[in-house]
Amino acid sequence: MGHDPRQERLIEARRERRGRAMLGRERLSRWGAAAAFAVVAAALALSAPSGVNAISAMPVALVLLYAFASRIEFEIGSGSALSTQLVFVPMLFELRAELVPAAVAIGLVAGGLPGFVRGDGLHPERVAALVGSAWYSVAPALVFVAAGQPHVGREAVPVLIAAMVAQFAGDFVLTVAREWTALGVPPSSLVGPFLWIFAVDALLAPVGFALALAAAVWPPAIVCALPLLILVRVFARERRGRLGQTLELSHAYRGTVFLLGDLVEADDEYTGTHSRAVVDLVLAACDRLGLDATSRRNAEFVGLLHDIGKIRIPNSIINKPGPLDPEERAIVNTHTIEGQRLLERVGGLLAEIGWLVRSCHERWDGGGYPDGLAGEEIPIIARIVCCCDAFDAMTSRRPYRPALSVAEALEELRRNAGTQFDPAVVEVFEAVVASLPAPAPAPTALVPVPGLAAVWTPALEELRKPA
């Protein structure tokens, strides 16, 4: 998964939901799907020829294997990829197809019961609602019914392929509808995870077909699925552990970013509050530009930390109540390099965004610092932060000058579009500002925060030390 913020949020939300009852739209959607499935599965089962697949060893073995397989899940976004395809394919051949959806539903509920009994699994209501998750089995069962219940063998391969295509298409449509109505999950966020889920099912289907072939010759061979399922379960547990570590690391990164933001604010309240204001503008611009979740997360971090290097600049310069002379300006201009160095000392994801912090004062015409980048050479996130940074600085009151009005600041951005700023970013930013509520009046004076500064002074001194 890496550090994909959108998928991380979906996985965290899914984990949180598992142990609690359903509410509102989710309850209506899940129970509606379960009730509709029960009606369809019952109608299919009643349409099966009488006397077929009576209670015997094979149906019981398949349901038990399916229950075990349903407990082996690879978390992906708001859902999961199960290993049930390994058992589902033999079900289509060994049971009457009309009975397969009911068998799948029984297996799903049976698979959810052990965790419920131990108290560390699904909420009881969610265990019962698992019946609705068996909808995926209806389309392939109907394909087998339409094909006249083919026997496992070479002639059945085209039917199996058609059944799998029907399964994937039906499962995608139904899941998208269910997740959208129940949880408001955008369909676009499900495409990637579903490709992964379909890949798992497609790879397991031939193995399931081989098991069906073996069981046709010697029925007890169906239990050969068990060792493979146990092995897959080990892999699934390892993946779950890695995902947990990734989520913890993501929280640690975010906590570190806000901690560093607090350090900046403790050292210089204007710089700290300015950075937090810039973040709001940056995120609004990212949304207007349609940046992906990872870029949006990186932009949030850069917006908050773009001035982190100023803690290495003497306070006598930072807080000077007047324009800086050329020598002082040159010292201040090193803060982007210092910011990159500080973040590289932190390491990990923050080291990766250090080069974006370094580029936040580059100019579209190549006249910026520290590297003289121009145009598209400047990362898009740095171009966004540059524009938002300038706007917030212009509309903020400083000891040596009054704040500009929003209209005046926008006019200044337009005047410098194509020289200092990316014209496309300026255009988007104007739309962002137009959609914002009227700003609160600027404070008449900057009030220090001595208590906070006292708390963070040791940390600040440590960061000020040369690497």
Protein backbone atom coordinates (compact mmCIF):
# COMPACT_ATOMS: atom_id res chain seq x y z
CA MET A 1 0.00 0.00 0.00
CA GLY A 2 2.92 2.35 0.61
CA HIS A 3 1.68 5.69 1.95
CA ASP A 4 -1.51 6.16 -0.05
CA PRO A 5 -3.56 8.43 2.24
CA ARG A 6 -6.90 7.59 0.64
CA GLN A 7 -6.46 3.83 1.00
CA GLU A 8 -5.10 4.29 4.52
CA ARG A 9 -8.24 6.20 5.50
CA LEU A 10 -10.50 3.55 4.00
CA ILE A 11 -8.69 0.72 5.78
CA GLU A 12 -8.72 2.55 9.11
CA ALA A 13 -12.43 3.31 8.76
CA ARG A 14 -13.17 -0.33 7.90
CA ARG A 15 -11.23 -1.58 10.92
CA GLU A 16 -13.07 0.84 13.18
CA ARG A 17 -16.49 -0.21 11.84
CA ARG A 18 -15.96 -3.94 12.29
CA GLY A 19 -16.61 -4.01 16.03
CA ARG A 20 -19.61 -1.70 16.18
CA ALA A 21 -23.23 -1.86 15.09
CA MET A 22 -24.33 -0.35 11.82
CA LEU A 23 -26.11 2.98 11.69
CA GLY A 24 -28.23 4.98 9.29
CA ARG A 25 -27.57 4.46 5.60
CA GLU A 26 -25.09 1.65 6.22
CA ARG A 27 -27.64 -0.39 8.18
CA LEU A 28 -30.33 0.20 5.55
CA SER A 29 -27.99 -0.69 2.69
CA ARG A 30 -26.45 -3.80 4.29
CA TRP A 31 -29.71 -5.27 5.53
CA GLY A 32 -31.46 -4.38 2.28
CA ALA A 33 -28.78 -6.27 0.34
CA ALA A 34 -29.02 -9.21 2.75
CA ALA A 35 -32.82 -9.41 2.52
CA ALA A 36 -32.83 -9.18 -1.27
CA PHE A 37 -30.15 -11.86 -1.50
CA ALA A 38 -32.09 -14.17 0.82
CA VAL A 39 -35.11 -13.94 -1.47
CA VAL A 40 -33.06 -14.64 -4.61
CA ALA A 41 -31.07 -17.49 -3.00
CA ALA A 42 -34.23 -19.11 -1.68
CA ALA A 43 -35.88 -18.88 -5.10
CA LEU A 44 -32.85 -20.48 -6.76
CA ALA A 45 -32.65 -23.26 -4.16
CA LEU A 46 -36.36 -24.05 -4.57
CA SER A 47 -35.89 -24.27 -8.33
CA ALA A 48 -33.29 -27.03 -8.01
CA PRO A 49 -34.42 -30.57 -8.85
CA SER A 50 -35.72 -32.31 -5.72
CA GLY A 51 -33.36 -34.63 -3.92
CA VAL A 52 -30.09 -33.20 -5.31
CA ASN A 53 -27.20 -32.42 -2.98
CA ALA A 54 -28.95 -33.70 0.12
CA ILE A 55 -26.95 -33.39 3.32
CA SER A 56 -23.78 -35.41 2.67
CA ALA A 57 -20.04 -35.24 3.17
CA MET A 58 -19.23 -33.16 0.06
CA PRO A 59 -21.62 -30.21 0.64
CA VAL A 60 -20.67 -30.07 4.31
CA ALA A 61 -16.95 -30.20 3.51
CA LEU A 62 -17.30 -27.43 0.92
CA VAL A 63 -19.26 -25.16 3.29
CA LEU A 64 -16.71 -25.71 6.07
CA LEU A 65 -13.79 -25.05 3.72
CA TYR A 66 -15.55 -21.93 2.45
CA ALA A 67 -16.09 -20.74 6.04
CA PHE A 68 -12.37 -21.16 6.75
CA ALA A 69 -11.39 -19.43 3.50
CA SER A 70 -13.71 -16.49 4.23
CA ARG A 71 -11.67 -15.72 7.34
CA ILE A 72 -8.54 -15.24 5.25
CA GLU A 73 -8.70 -11.69 3.99
CA PHE A 74 -6.31 -9.25 2.41
CA GLU A 75 -7.43 -5.75 3.40
CA ILE A 76 -7.81 -3.43 0.42
CA GLY A 77 -9.42 -0.03 0.86
CA SER A 78 -12.93 -0.29 2.31
CA GLY A 79 -13.13 -4.00 1.47
CA SER A 80 -10.96 -7.08 1.28
CA ALA A 81 -9.84 -9.82 -1.07
CA LEU A 82 -10.79 -13.27 0.22
CA SER A 83 -9.34 -16.65 -0.65
CA THR A 84 -12.80 -18.13 -1.18
CA GLN A 85 -12.35 -18.52 -4.95
CA LEU A 86 -10.30 -21.62 -4.18
CA VAL A 87 -13.45 -23.26 -2.79
CA PHE A 88 -16.10 -21.41 -4.77
CA VAL A 89 -15.02 -22.91 -8.11
CA PRO A 90 -15.32 -26.53 -6.85
CA MET A 91 -18.72 -25.58 -5.38
CA LEU A 92 -20.00 -24.69 -8.85
CA PHE A 93 -19.14 -28.17 -10.08
CA GLU A 94 -19.75 -30.34 -7.01
CA LEU A 95 -23.08 -28.78 -5.95
CA ARG A 96 -26.13 -27.96 -8.00
CA ALA A 97 -25.56 -24.37 -9.15
CA GLU A 98 -28.98 -23.39 -7.79
CA LEU A 99 -27.76 -24.21 -4.27
CA VAL A 100 -24.37 -22.47 -4.50
CA PRO A 101 -25.51 -18.97 -3.38
CA ALA A 102 -27.16 -20.42 -0.26
CA ALA A 103 -24.05 -22.48 0.50
CA VAL A 104 -21.86 -19.38 0.10
CA ALA A 105 -24.07 -17.38 2.49
CA ILE A 106 -23.95 -20.15 5.10
CA GLY A 107 -20.16 -20.33 4.75
CA LEU A 108 -19.76 -16.56 5.16
CA VAL A 109 -21.84 -16.45 8.33
CA ALA A 110 -20.09 -19.53 9.74
CA GLY A 111 -16.72 -17.91 9.02
CA GLY A 112 -17.70 -14.79 10.97
CA LEU A 113 -18.88 -16.67 14.07
CA PRO A 114 -15.47 -17.61 15.64
CA GLY A 115 -14.39 -13.98 15.95
CA PHE A 116 -17.78 -13.07 17.40
CA VAL A 117 -17.49 -15.87 19.99
CA ARG A 118 -13.97 -14.72 20.97
CA GLY A 119 -15.13 -11.11 21.13
CA ASP A 120 -12.46 -9.80 18.73
CA GLY A 121 -14.27 -10.11 15.42
CA LEU A 122 -17.29 -8.56 13.71
CA HIS A 123 -20.19 -7.08 15.62
CA PRO A 124 -23.08 -9.61 15.77
CA GLU A 125 -25.18 -7.46 13.45
CA ARG A 126 -22.39 -7.46 10.87
CA VAL A 127 -22.02 -11.23 11.10
CA ALA A 128 -25.71 -11.65 10.22
CA ALA A 129 -25.46 -9.04 7.46
CA LEU A 130 -22.64 -11.03 5.82
CA VAL A 131 -25.44 -12.81 3.96
CA GLY A 132 -25.58 -9.81 1.64
CA SER A 133 -21.91 -10.28 0.71
CA ALA A 134 -22.86 -13.53 -1.04
CA TRP A 135 -24.44 -11.59 -3.92
CA TYR A 136 -21.30 -12.15 -6.00
CA SER A 137 -22.17 -15.85 -6.29
CA VAL A 138 -25.54 -15.34 -7.99
CA ALA A 139 -24.31 -14.33 -11.47
CA PRO A 140 -21.87 -17.27 -11.93
CA ALA A 141 -24.47 -19.69 -10.53
CA LEU A 142 -26.95 -18.47 -13.14
CA VAL A 143 -24.34 -18.99 -15.87
CA PHE A 144 -23.93 -22.61 -14.76
CA VAL A 145 -27.69 -23.08 -14.64
CA ALA A 146 -28.04 -21.66 -18.15
CA ALA A 147 -25.23 -23.95 -19.36
CA GLY A 148 -27.04 -27.02 -18.04
CA GLN A 149 -24.75 -27.71 -15.05
CA PRO A 150 -21.65 -28.86 -17.00
CA HIS A 151 -19.41 -31.56 -15.57
CA VAL A 152 -15.86 -30.59 -14.69
CA GLY A 153 -13.58 -31.14 -17.67
CA ARG A 154 -12.18 -29.49 -20.78
CA GLU A 155 -15.64 -28.70 -22.18
CA ALA A 156 -16.53 -26.81 -19.00
CA VAL A 157 -13.65 -24.31 -19.30
CA PRO A 158 -15.56 -21.79 -21.49
CA VAL A 159 -18.50 -21.94 -19.08
CA LEU A 160 -16.20 -21.33 -16.12
CA ILE A 161 -14.60 -18.36 -17.87
CA ALA A 162 -18.04 -16.90 -18.63
CA ALA A 163 -19.05 -17.46 -15.00
CA MET A 164 -15.93 -15.66 -13.74
CA VAL A 165 -16.54 -12.69 -16.03
CA ALA A 166 -20.14 -12.52 -14.78
CA GLN A 167 -18.88 -12.77 -11.19
CA PHE A 168 -16.40 -9.90 -11.59
CA ALA A 169 -18.82 -7.61 -13.41
CA GLY A 170 -21.72 -8.26 -11.04
CA ASP A 171 -19.55 -8.00 -7.93
CA PHE A 172 -18.08 -4.67 -9.03
CA VAL A 173 -21.45 -3.09 -9.85
CA LEU A 174 -23.14 -4.33 -6.68
CA THR A 175 -20.21 -3.42 -4.40
CA VAL A 176 -19.85 0.06 -5.86
CA ALA A 177 -23.57 0.65 -5.34
CA ARG A 178 -23.46 -0.75 -1.80
CA GLU A 179 -20.36 1.18 -0.69
CA TRP A 180 -21.64 4.40 -2.23
CA THR A 181 -25.07 4.19 -0.62
CA ALA A 182 -23.89 2.80 2.72
CA LEU A 183 -20.67 4.73 3.33
CA GLY A 184 -20.43 7.38 0.62
CA VAL A 185 -17.23 5.82 -0.75
CA PRO A 186 -16.57 7.36 -4.22
CA PRO A 187 -16.63 4.75 -7.03
CA SER A 188 -13.28 6.03 -8.31
CA SER A 189 -11.57 4.97 -5.07
CA LEU A 190 -12.79 1.37 -5.57
CA VAL A 191 -11.40 0.80 -9.06
CA GLY A 192 -7.80 0.18 -7.95
CA PRO A 193 -8.69 -2.12 -5.05
CA PHE A 194 -11.11 -4.09 -7.23
CA LEU A 195 -8.45 -4.72 -9.85
CA TRP A 196 -6.35 -6.23 -7.07
CA ILE A 197 -9.30 -8.31 -5.82
CA PHE A 198 -10.10 -9.56 -9.31
CA ALA A 199 -6.44 -10.48 -9.84
CA VAL A 200 -6.49 -12.62 -6.68
CA ASP A 201 -9.70 -14.36 -7.76
CA ALA A 202 -8.43 -14.91 -11.30
CA LEU A 203 -5.22 -16.50 -10.01
CA LEU A 204 -7.05 -18.77 -7.55
CA ALA A 205 -9.74 -19.89 -10.03
CA PRO A 206 -7.47 -22.31 -12.00
CA VAL A 207 -6.33 -23.89 -8.72
CA GLY A 208 -9.97 -24.29 -7.71
CA PHE A 209 -10.67 -25.90 -11.10
CA ALA A 210 -7.81 -28.37 -10.51
CA LEU A 211 -9.29 -29.26 -7.12
CA ALA A 212 -12.67 -29.84 -8.77
CA LEU A 213 -11.02 -32.17 -11.31
CA ALA A 214 -9.31 -34.11 -8.52
CA ALA A 215 -12.53 -34.34 -6.49
CA ALA A 216 -14.40 -35.70 -9.52
CA VAL A 217 -12.00 -38.67 -9.52
CA TRP A 218 -11.64 -39.03 -5.74
CA PRO A 219 -14.02 -36.88 -3.63
CA PRO A 220 -11.80 -36.71 -0.50
CA ALA A 221 -9.23 -34.85 -2.63
CA ILE A 222 -11.24 -31.68 -1.98
CA VAL A 223 -9.55 -31.39 1.42
CA CYS A 224 -6.29 -30.72 -0.43
CA ALA A 225 -7.48 -27.10 -0.43
CA LEU A 226 -6.85 -26.91 3.32
CA PRO A 227 -3.00 -26.85 3.33
CA LEU A 228 -2.99 -24.15 0.67
CA LEU A 229 -5.55 -22.10 2.59
CA ILE A 230 -3.43 -22.37 5.74
CA LEU A 231 -0.40 -21.10 3.81
CA VAL A 232 -2.38 -18.20 2.35
CA ARG A 233 -3.63 -17.37 5.84
CA VAL A 234 -0.03 -16.94 7.00
CA PHE A 235 0.60 -14.48 4.15
CA ALA A 236 -2.63 -12.61 4.95
CA ARG A 237 -1.65 -12.21 8.61
CA GLU A 238 1.76 -10.90 7.61
CA ARG A 239 0.14 -8.39 5.27
CA ARG A 240 -2.25 -7.27 8.00
CA GLY A 241 0.70 -6.71 10.31
CA ARG A 242 2.53 -4.67 7.68
CA LEU A 243 -0.58 -2.58 7.06
CA GLY A 244 -0.84 -1.91 10.78
CA GLN A 245 2.78 -0.77 10.85
CA THR A 246 2.19 1.45 7.81
CA LEU A 247 -0.81 3.09 9.48
CA GLU A 248 1.15 3.66 12.67
CA LEU A 249 4.02 5.16 10.69
CA SER A 250 1.62 7.43 8.82
CA HIS A 251 0.22 8.69 12.13
CA ALA A 252 3.77 9.22 13.37
CA TYR A 253 4.64 11.30 10.30
CA ARG A 254 1.56 13.45 10.71
CA GLY A 255 2.26 13.90 14.41
CA THR A 256 5.84 14.87 13.63
CA VAL A 257 4.68 17.45 11.09
CA PHE A 258 2.36 19.11 13.58
CA LEU A 259 5.01 18.93 16.27
CA LEU A 260 7.43 20.76 13.97
CA GLY A 261 4.67 23.25 13.21
CA ASP A 262 4.32 23.88 16.94
CA LEU A 263 8.07 24.38 17.18
CA VAL A 264 7.92 27.04 14.48
CA GLU A 265 5.04 28.78 16.23
CA ALA A 266 6.83 28.68 19.56
CA ASP A 267 9.86 30.31 17.99
CA ASP A 268 7.95 32.92 15.98
CA GLU A 269 4.17 33.17 16.33
CA TYR A 270 3.71 34.99 13.04
CA THR A 271 5.57 32.32 11.06
CA GLY A 272 3.62 29.56 12.81
CA THR A 273 0.16 31.01 12.36
CA HIS A 274 1.04 32.09 8.82
CA SER A 275 2.02 28.49 7.93
CA ARG A 276 -1.26 27.13 9.28
CA ALA A 277 -3.21 29.68 7.26
CA VAL A 278 -1.22 28.74 4.15
CA VAL A 279 -2.16 25.06 4.63
CA ASP A 280 -5.88 25.82 4.29
CA LEU A 281 -5.30 27.76 1.07
CA VAL A 282 -2.98 25.07 -0.31
CA LEU A 283 -5.47 22.26 0.30
CA ALA A 284 -8.29 24.23 -1.32
CA ALA A 285 -6.09 24.86 -4.37
CA CYS A 286 -5.10 21.18 -4.53
CA ASP A 287 -8.76 20.19 -4.54
CA ARG A 288 -9.48 22.65 -7.35
CA LEU A 289 -6.57 21.25 -9.37
CA GLY A 290 -7.66 17.65 -8.75
CA LEU A 291 -4.38 16.46 -7.22
CA ASP A 292 -4.33 12.85 -6.04
CA ALA A 293 -4.48 11.92 -2.36
CA THR A 294 -0.72 11.43 -1.98
CA SER A 295 0.09 14.79 -3.58
CA ARG A 296 -2.57 16.45 -1.43
CA ARG A 297 -1.04 14.97 1.72
CA ASN A 298 2.43 16.10 0.66
CA ALA A 299 1.08 19.58 -0.11
CA GLU A 300 -0.45 19.76 3.37
CA PHE A 301 2.90 18.91 4.94
CA VAL A 302 4.82 21.36 2.75
CA GLY A 303 2.29 24.11 3.44
CA LEU A 304 2.81 23.66 7.17
CA LEU A 305 6.60 23.24 7.01
CA HIS A 306 7.63 25.53 4.16
CA ASP A 307 9.11 28.00 6.67
CA ILE A 308 10.58 25.40 9.06
CA GLY A 309 14.09 26.52 8.08
CA LYS A 310 13.49 29.92 9.65
CA ILE A 311 14.19 28.47 13.08
CA ARG A 312 17.83 28.41 11.94
CA ILE A 313 17.72 32.14 11.10
CA PRO A 314 18.60 34.59 13.91
CA ASN A 315 15.50 36.02 15.59
CA SER A 316 17.01 39.50 15.28
CA ILE A 317 16.55 39.19 11.52
CA ILE A 318 13.22 37.34 11.54
CA ASN A 319 11.61 39.86 13.88
CA LYS A 320 13.29 42.98 12.52
CA PRO A 321 10.66 45.79 12.54
CA GLY A 322 11.52 47.04 9.07
CA PRO A 323 12.81 46.06 5.62
CA LEU A 324 15.86 43.79 5.51
CA ASP A 325 19.14 44.94 4.04
CA PRO A 326 20.76 42.85 1.24
CA GLU A 327 22.96 40.90 3.64
CA GLU A 328 20.03 40.07 5.91
CA ARG A 329 17.88 39.11 2.93
CA ALA A 330 20.58 36.71 1.75
CA ILE A 331 20.60 35.07 5.18
CA VAL A 332 16.80 34.72 5.19
CA ASN A 333 16.91 33.21 1.71
CA THR A 334 18.88 30.27 3.08
CA HIS A 335 15.84 29.11 5.06
CA THR A 336 14.62 26.85 2.23
CA ILE A 337 17.94 24.98 2.21
CA GLU A 338 17.96 24.82 5.99
CA GLY A 339 14.38 23.52 5.92
CA GLN A 340 15.37 20.72 3.58
CA ARG A 341 18.31 19.80 5.82
CA LEU A 342 16.15 19.73 8.93
CA LEU A 343 13.59 17.45 7.27
CA GLU A 344 16.30 15.16 5.98
CA ARG A 345 17.49 14.81 9.56
CA VAL A 346 13.99 13.64 10.51
CA GLY A 347 14.11 11.14 7.65
CA GLY A 348 11.50 8.95 5.96
CA LEU A 349 8.57 10.66 4.29
CA LEU A 350 9.58 14.08 5.62
CA ALA A 351 12.98 13.72 3.98
CA GLU A 352 11.16 13.04 0.71
CA ILE A 353 9.22 16.32 0.94
CA GLY A 354 12.34 18.27 1.87
CA TRP A 355 13.08 19.04 -1.78
CA LEU A 356 9.56 20.47 -2.14
CA VAL A 357 10.19 22.78 0.82
CA ARG A 358 13.45 23.80 -0.84
CA SER A 359 11.59 24.84 -4.02
CA CYS A 360 8.84 26.98 -2.47
CA HIS A 361 10.57 30.28 -3.31
CA GLU A 362 11.48 29.52 -6.90
CA ARG A 363 9.95 31.84 -9.50
CA TRP A 364 8.14 30.92 -12.70
CA ASP A 365 10.62 33.05 -14.70
CA GLY A 366 13.67 31.38 -13.09
CA GLY A 367 14.60 34.33 -10.89
CA GLY A 368 13.87 32.66 -7.55
CA TYR A 369 16.05 30.85 -5.05
CA PRO A 370 17.90 28.69 -4.19
CA ASP A 371 18.31 26.80 -7.49
CA GLY A 372 16.92 29.17 -10.12
CA LEU A 373 14.34 26.66 -11.36
CA ALA A 374 11.83 27.92 -13.93
CA GLY A 375 8.39 26.97 -15.25
CA GLU A 376 7.53 23.27 -15.13
CA GLU A 377 10.90 22.52 -13.53
CA ILE A 378 9.37 23.76 -10.28
CA PRO A 379 7.24 21.01 -8.63
CA ILE A 380 3.52 21.76 -8.84
CA ILE A 381 3.20 21.57 -5.04
CA ALA A 382 5.93 24.18 -4.62
CA ARG A 383 4.18 26.44 -7.17
CA ILE A 384 0.92 26.16 -5.24
CA VAL A 385 2.57 26.87 -1.89
CA CYS A 386 4.47 29.83 -3.37
CA CYS A 387 1.23 31.46 -4.51
CA CYS A 388 -0.67 30.75 -1.27
CA ASP A 389 2.31 31.86 0.82
CA ALA A 390 2.54 35.19 -0.98
CA PHE A 391 -1.19 35.84 -0.71
CA ASP A 392 -1.33 35.14 3.03
CA ALA A 393 1.79 37.24 3.62
CA MET A 394 0.32 40.17 1.71
CA THR A 395 -2.99 40.02 3.57
CA SER A 396 -1.31 39.72 7.00
CA ARG A 397 -0.32 42.75 9.04
CA ARG A 398 3.36 43.05 9.94
CA PRO A 399 5.06 45.53 12.32
CA TYR A 400 6.57 47.43 9.38
CA ARG A 401 3.54 47.53 7.03
CA PRO A 402 -0.27 47.25 7.02
CA ALA A 403 -2.06 44.30 5.47
CA LEU A 404 -3.30 44.53 1.87
CA SER A 405 -6.95 43.90 1.13
CA VAL A 406 -7.93 40.65 -0.58
CA ALA A 407 -8.62 42.54 -3.81
CA GLU A 408 -5.23 44.25 -3.68
CA ALA A 409 -3.44 40.97 -3.00
CA LEU A 410 -5.22 39.24 -5.88
CA GLU A 411 -4.31 42.09 -8.19
CA GLU A 412 -0.68 41.71 -7.13
CA LEU A 413 -0.81 37.98 -7.89
CA ARG A 414 -2.29 38.68 -11.33
CA ARG A 415 0.37 41.34 -12.00
CA ASN A 416 3.11 38.82 -11.26
CA ALA A 417 1.53 35.80 -13.01
CA GLY A 418 4.00 34.57 -15.60
CA THR A 419 6.98 36.08 -13.79
CA GLN A 420 6.90 35.10 -10.11
CA PHE A 421 3.88 32.79 -10.17
CA ASP A 422 2.53 30.02 -12.39
CA PRO A 423 -0.35 31.66 -14.33
CA ALA A 424 -2.47 28.50 -14.13
CA VAL A 425 -2.05 28.34 -10.35
CA VAL A 426 -2.97 32.02 -10.00
CA GLU A 427 -6.13 31.43 -12.02
CA VAL A 428 -7.13 28.50 -9.82
CA PHE A 429 -6.24 30.41 -6.69
CA GLU A 430 -8.56 33.27 -7.64
CA ALA A 431 -11.41 30.74 -7.77
CA VAL A 432 -10.34 29.42 -4.36
CA VAL A 433 -10.41 32.87 -2.79
CA ALA A 434 -13.76 33.67 -4.39
CA SER A 435 -15.23 30.60 -2.67
CA LEU A 436 -13.88 31.43 0.80
CA PRO A 437 -15.89 33.24 3.49
CA ALA A 438 -14.92 36.79 4.34
CA PRO A 439 -11.67 36.82 6.34
CA ALA A 440 -11.63 37.80 10.00
CA PRO A 441 -10.02 41.17 10.81
CA ALA A 442 -6.26 41.03 11.13
CA PRO A 443 -4.93 41.25 14.70
CA THR A 444 -3.68 44.66 15.73
CA ALA A 445 -0.57 43.24 17.34
CA LEU A 446 1.41 40.02 17.42
CA VAL A 447 1.20 38.45 20.87
CA PRO A 448 4.03 36.12 21.89
CA VAL A 449 3.31 32.77 23.48
CA PRO A 450 5.90 32.56 26.28
CA GLY A 451 4.52 29.40 27.82
CA LEU A 452 4.69 27.45 24.59
CA ALA A 453 8.10 28.85 23.75
CA ALA A 454 9.41 27.76 27.16
CA VAL A 455 8.20 24.24 26.60
CA TRP A 456 9.83 23.91 23.19
CA THR A 457 13.05 25.88 23.80
CA PRO A 458 15.26 22.77 24.29
CA ALA A 459 13.93 21.20 21.10
CA LEU A 460 14.46 24.43 19.17
CA GLU A 461 18.03 24.71 20.35
CA GLU A 462 18.67 21.12 19.27
CA LEU A 463 17.29 21.80 15.79
CA ARG A 464 19.35 24.95 15.47
CA LYS A 465 22.55 22.97 15.91
CA PRO A 466 24.41 22.23 12.66
CA ALA A 467 23.87 18.72 11.32
